[in-house]
C-alpha atoms as a PDB file:
ATOM      1  CA  MET A   1     104.696  88.756 101.119  1.00  0.00           C
ATOM      2  CA  VAL A   2     107.167  87.187 103.602  1.00  0.00           C
ATOM      3  CA  GLU A   3     105.515  88.946 106.491  1.00  0.00           C
ATOM      4  CA  ILE A   4     102.160  87.404 105.596  1.00  0.00           C
ATOM      5  CA  VAL A   5     103.656  83.906 105.424  1.00  0.00           C
ATOM      6  CA  ILE A   6     105.334  84.395 108.864  1.00  0.00           C
ATOM      7  CA  VAL A   7     102.039  85.675 110.365  1.00  0.00           C
ATOM      8  CA  VAL A   8     100.142  82.669 108.944  1.00  0.00           C
ATOM      9  CA  LEU A   9     102.734  80.319 110.321  1.00  0.00           C
ATOM     10  CA  ILE A  10     102.497  81.894 113.766  1.00  0.00           C
ATOM     11  CA  ILE A  11      98.781  81.578 113.764  1.00  0.00           C
ATOM     12  CA  ALA A  12      98.958  77.918 112.663  1.00  0.00           C
ATOM     13  CA  VAL A  13     101.343  77.132 115.574  1.00  0.00           C
ATOM     14  CA  LEU A  14      99.058  78.883 118.069  1.00  0.00           C
ATOM     15  CA  VAL A  15      96.074  76.946 116.760  1.00  0.00           C
ATOM     16  CA  GLY A  16      98.027  73.731 116.901  1.00  0.00           C
ATOM     17  CA  LEU A  17      98.849  74.411 120.577  1.00  0.00           C
ATOM     18  CA  ALA A  18      95.327  75.533 121.569  1.00  0.00           C
ATOM     19  CA  ALA A  19      93.355  72.658 119.995  1.00  0.00           C
ATOM     20  CA  PRO A  20      94.398  69.876 122.386  1.00  0.00           C
ATOM     21  CA  ALA A  21      93.850  72.108 125.401  1.00  0.00           C
ATOM     22  CA  TYR A  22      90.380  73.016 124.159  1.00  0.00           C
ATOM     23  CA  GLU A  23      89.482  69.329 123.798  1.00  0.00           C
ATOM     24  CA  ARG A  24      90.748  68.501 127.298  1.00  0.00           C
ATOM     25  CA  TYR A  25      88.790  71.360 128.849  1.00  0.00           C
ATOM     26  CA  LYS A  26      85.688  70.435 126.860  1.00  0.00           C
ATOM     27  CA  HIS A  27      85.883  66.823 128.206  1.00  0.00           C
ATOM     28  CA  TYR A  28      86.436  68.125 131.778  1.00  0.00           C
ATOM     29  CA  SER A  29      83.441  70.452 131.417  1.00  0.00           C
ATOM     30  CA  PHE A  30      81.186  67.543 130.165  1.00  0.00           C
ATOM     31  CA  THR A  31      82.278  65.379 133.087  1.00  0.00           C
ATOM     32  CA  ARG A  32      81.579  68.062 135.660  1.00  0.00           C
ATOM     33  CA  THR A  33      78.232  68.780 134.147  1.00  0.00           C
ATOM     34  CA  CYS A  34      77.332  65.116 134.149  1.00  0.00           C
ATOM     35  CA  PHE A  35      78.261  64.852 137.876  1.00  0.00           C
ATOM     36  CA  ALA A  36      76.051  67.921 138.618  1.00  0.00           C
ATOM     37  CA  ASN A  37      73.153  66.203 136.730  1.00  0.00           C
ATOM     38  CA  GLN A  38      73.648  63.056 138.739  1.00  0.00           C
ATOM     39  CA  LYS A  39      73.552  64.894 142.043  1.00  0.00           C
ATOM     40  CA  THR A  40      70.431  66.936 141.046  1.00  0.00           C
ATOM     41  CA  VAL A  41      68.573  63.834 139.856  1.00  0.00           C
ATOM     42  CA  SER A  42      69.560  61.900 142.975  1.00  0.00           C
ATOM     43  CA  GLN A  43      68.309  64.666 145.285  1.00  0.00           C
ATOM     44  CA  ALA A  44      65.085  64.980 143.279  1.00  0.00           C
ATOM     45  CA  LEU A  45      64.534  61.200 143.445  1.00  0.00           C
ATOM     46  CA  GLN A  46      65.092  61.297 147.208  1.00  0.00           C
ATOM     47  CA  SER A  47      62.467  64.038 147.562  1.00  0.00           C
ATOM     48  CA  TYR A  48      60.071  62.084 145.332  1.00  0.00           C
ATOM     49  CA  ASN A  49      60.514  58.888 147.357  1.00  0.00           C
ATOM     50  CA  LEU A  50      60.032  60.778 150.660  1.00  0.00           C
ATOM     51  CA  ASP A  51      56.894  62.486 149.383  1.00  0.00           C
ATOM     52  CA  ARG A  52      55.349  59.215 148.183  1.00  0.00           C
ATOM     53  CA  ASN A  53      56.861  56.837 150.759  1.00  0.00           C
ATOM     54  CA  GLU A  54      58.332  54.749 147.929  1.00  0.00           C
ATOM     55  CA  LYS A  55      61.720  53.305 146.938  1.00  0.00           C
ATOM     56  CA  ARG A  56      61.949  53.908 143.258  1.00  0.00           C
ATOM     57  CA  ASP A  57      65.310  53.941 141.400  1.00  0.00           C
ATOM     58  CA  ASP A  58      64.582  52.797 137.904  1.00  0.00           C
ATOM     59  CA  TYR A  59      66.841  55.110 135.838  1.00  0.00           C
ATOM     60  CA  PRO A  60      66.167  56.448 133.251  1.00  0.00           C
ATOM     61  CA  GLY A  61      62.467  55.641 133.475  1.00  0.00           C
ATOM     62  CA  VAL A  62      61.853  57.638 136.627  1.00  0.00           C
ATOM     63  CA  MET A  63      63.333  60.855 135.152  1.00  0.00           C
ATOM     64  CA  GLN A  64      60.216  61.589 133.136  1.00  0.00           C
ATOM     65  CA  VAL A  65      58.167  61.091 136.314  1.00  0.00           C
ATOM     66  CA  LEU A  66      60.453  63.470 138.176  1.00  0.00           C
ATOM     67  CA  ALA A  67      60.109  66.099 135.401  1.00  0.00           C
ATOM     68  CA  SER A  68      56.335  65.836 135.204  1.00  0.00           C
ATOM     69  CA  GLY A  69      56.037  65.973 138.945  1.00  0.00           C
ATOM     70  CA  GLY A  70      58.021  69.176 139.183  1.00  0.00           C
ATOM     71  CA  TYR A  71      61.003  67.715 140.942  1.00  0.00           C
ATOM     72  CA  ILE A  72      63.330  68.637 138.071  1.00  0.00           C
ATOM     73  CA  ARG A  73      62.665  71.124 135.254  1.00  0.00           C
ATOM     74  CA  ALA A  74      63.539  68.719 132.408  1.00  0.00           C
ATOM     75  CA  VAL A  75      65.002  65.320 131.870  1.00  0.00           C
ATOM     76  CA  PRO A  76      68.764  65.895 131.779  1.00  0.00           C
ATOM     77  CA  ALA A  77      70.726  64.727 128.815  1.00  0.00           C
ATOM     78  CA  ASP A  78      74.225  63.350 129.107  1.00  0.00           C
ATOM     79  CA  PRO A  79      76.521  66.271 128.172  1.00  0.00           C
ATOM     80  CA  GLY A  80      78.073  65.745 124.801  1.00  0.00           C
ATOM     81  CA  GLY A  81      75.663  62.877 124.126  1.00  0.00           C
ATOM     82  CA  GLY A  82      72.894  65.000 122.544  1.00  0.00           C
ATOM     83  CA  ALA A  83      69.160  64.589 122.777  1.00  0.00           C
ATOM     84  CA  GLY A  84      67.891  61.283 124.183  1.00  0.00           C
ATOM     85  CA  SER A  85      71.138  60.524 125.918  1.00  0.00           C
ATOM     86  CA  SER A  86      69.450  60.461 129.319  1.00  0.00           C
ATOM     87  CA  ALA A  87      69.408  56.680 128.931  1.00  0.00           C
ATOM     88  CA  ASN A  88      73.143  56.786 129.846  1.00  0.00           C
ATOM     89  CA  TYR A  89      72.095  57.315 133.427  1.00  0.00           C
ATOM     90  CA  GLN A  90      71.714  54.055 135.482  1.00  0.00           C
ATOM     91  CA  SER A  91      71.053  53.089 139.079  1.00  0.00           C
ATOM     92  CA  THR A  92      73.937  51.957 141.228  1.00  0.00           C
ATOM     93  CA  THR A  93      74.431  51.052 144.831  1.00  0.00           C
ATOM     94  CA  VAL A  94      77.313  53.442 145.424  1.00  0.00           C
ATOM     95  CA  ASN A  95      77.632  57.197 146.023  1.00  0.00           C
ATOM     96  CA  PHE A  96      74.324  58.923 145.162  1.00  0.00           C
ATOM     97  CA  GLY A  97      72.744  55.886 143.570  1.00  0.00           C
ATOM     98  CA  ILE A  98      73.204  57.021 139.993  1.00  0.00           C
ATOM     99  CA  THR A  99      75.980  56.546 137.484  1.00  0.00           C
ATOM    100  CA  CYS A 100      76.614  57.455 133.829  1.00  0.00           C
ATOM    101  CA  LYS A 101      77.787  54.957 131.157  1.00  0.00           C
ATOM    102  CA  THR A 102      80.002  57.620 129.645  1.00  0.00           C
ATOM    103  CA  HIS A 103      81.434  59.603 132.631  1.00  0.00           C
ATOM    104  CA  GLY A 104      81.098  57.159 135.540  1.00  0.00           C
ATOM    105  CA  ALA A 105      79.770  57.794 139.049  1.00  0.00           C
ATOM    106  CA  LEU A 106      79.808  61.016 141.017  1.00  0.00           C
ATOM    107  CA  GLN A 107      82.943  61.197 143.193  1.00  0.00           C
END
């Protein structure tokens, strides 16, 4: 019986140590995925503007146009934000011209 209690305590300590690291890596993963989405959408928008000789940057409204035009496969969602979180992407004048309300601009 004592052995089982010791094993359970060891497992509890290991879970207690692993949980914060898991959350930190999950946040880092969401941020990197968001930056990749920003770069992809920015490049797709540049191609769209060049093809049509326009200057369009009305995020998130233009994302559906990019998806229906074949410039991106689907409208990207903000990682961790769930469905419909593409509204977190906004236009900006720095970096690639797009930023996220949650994760910030691509760096």
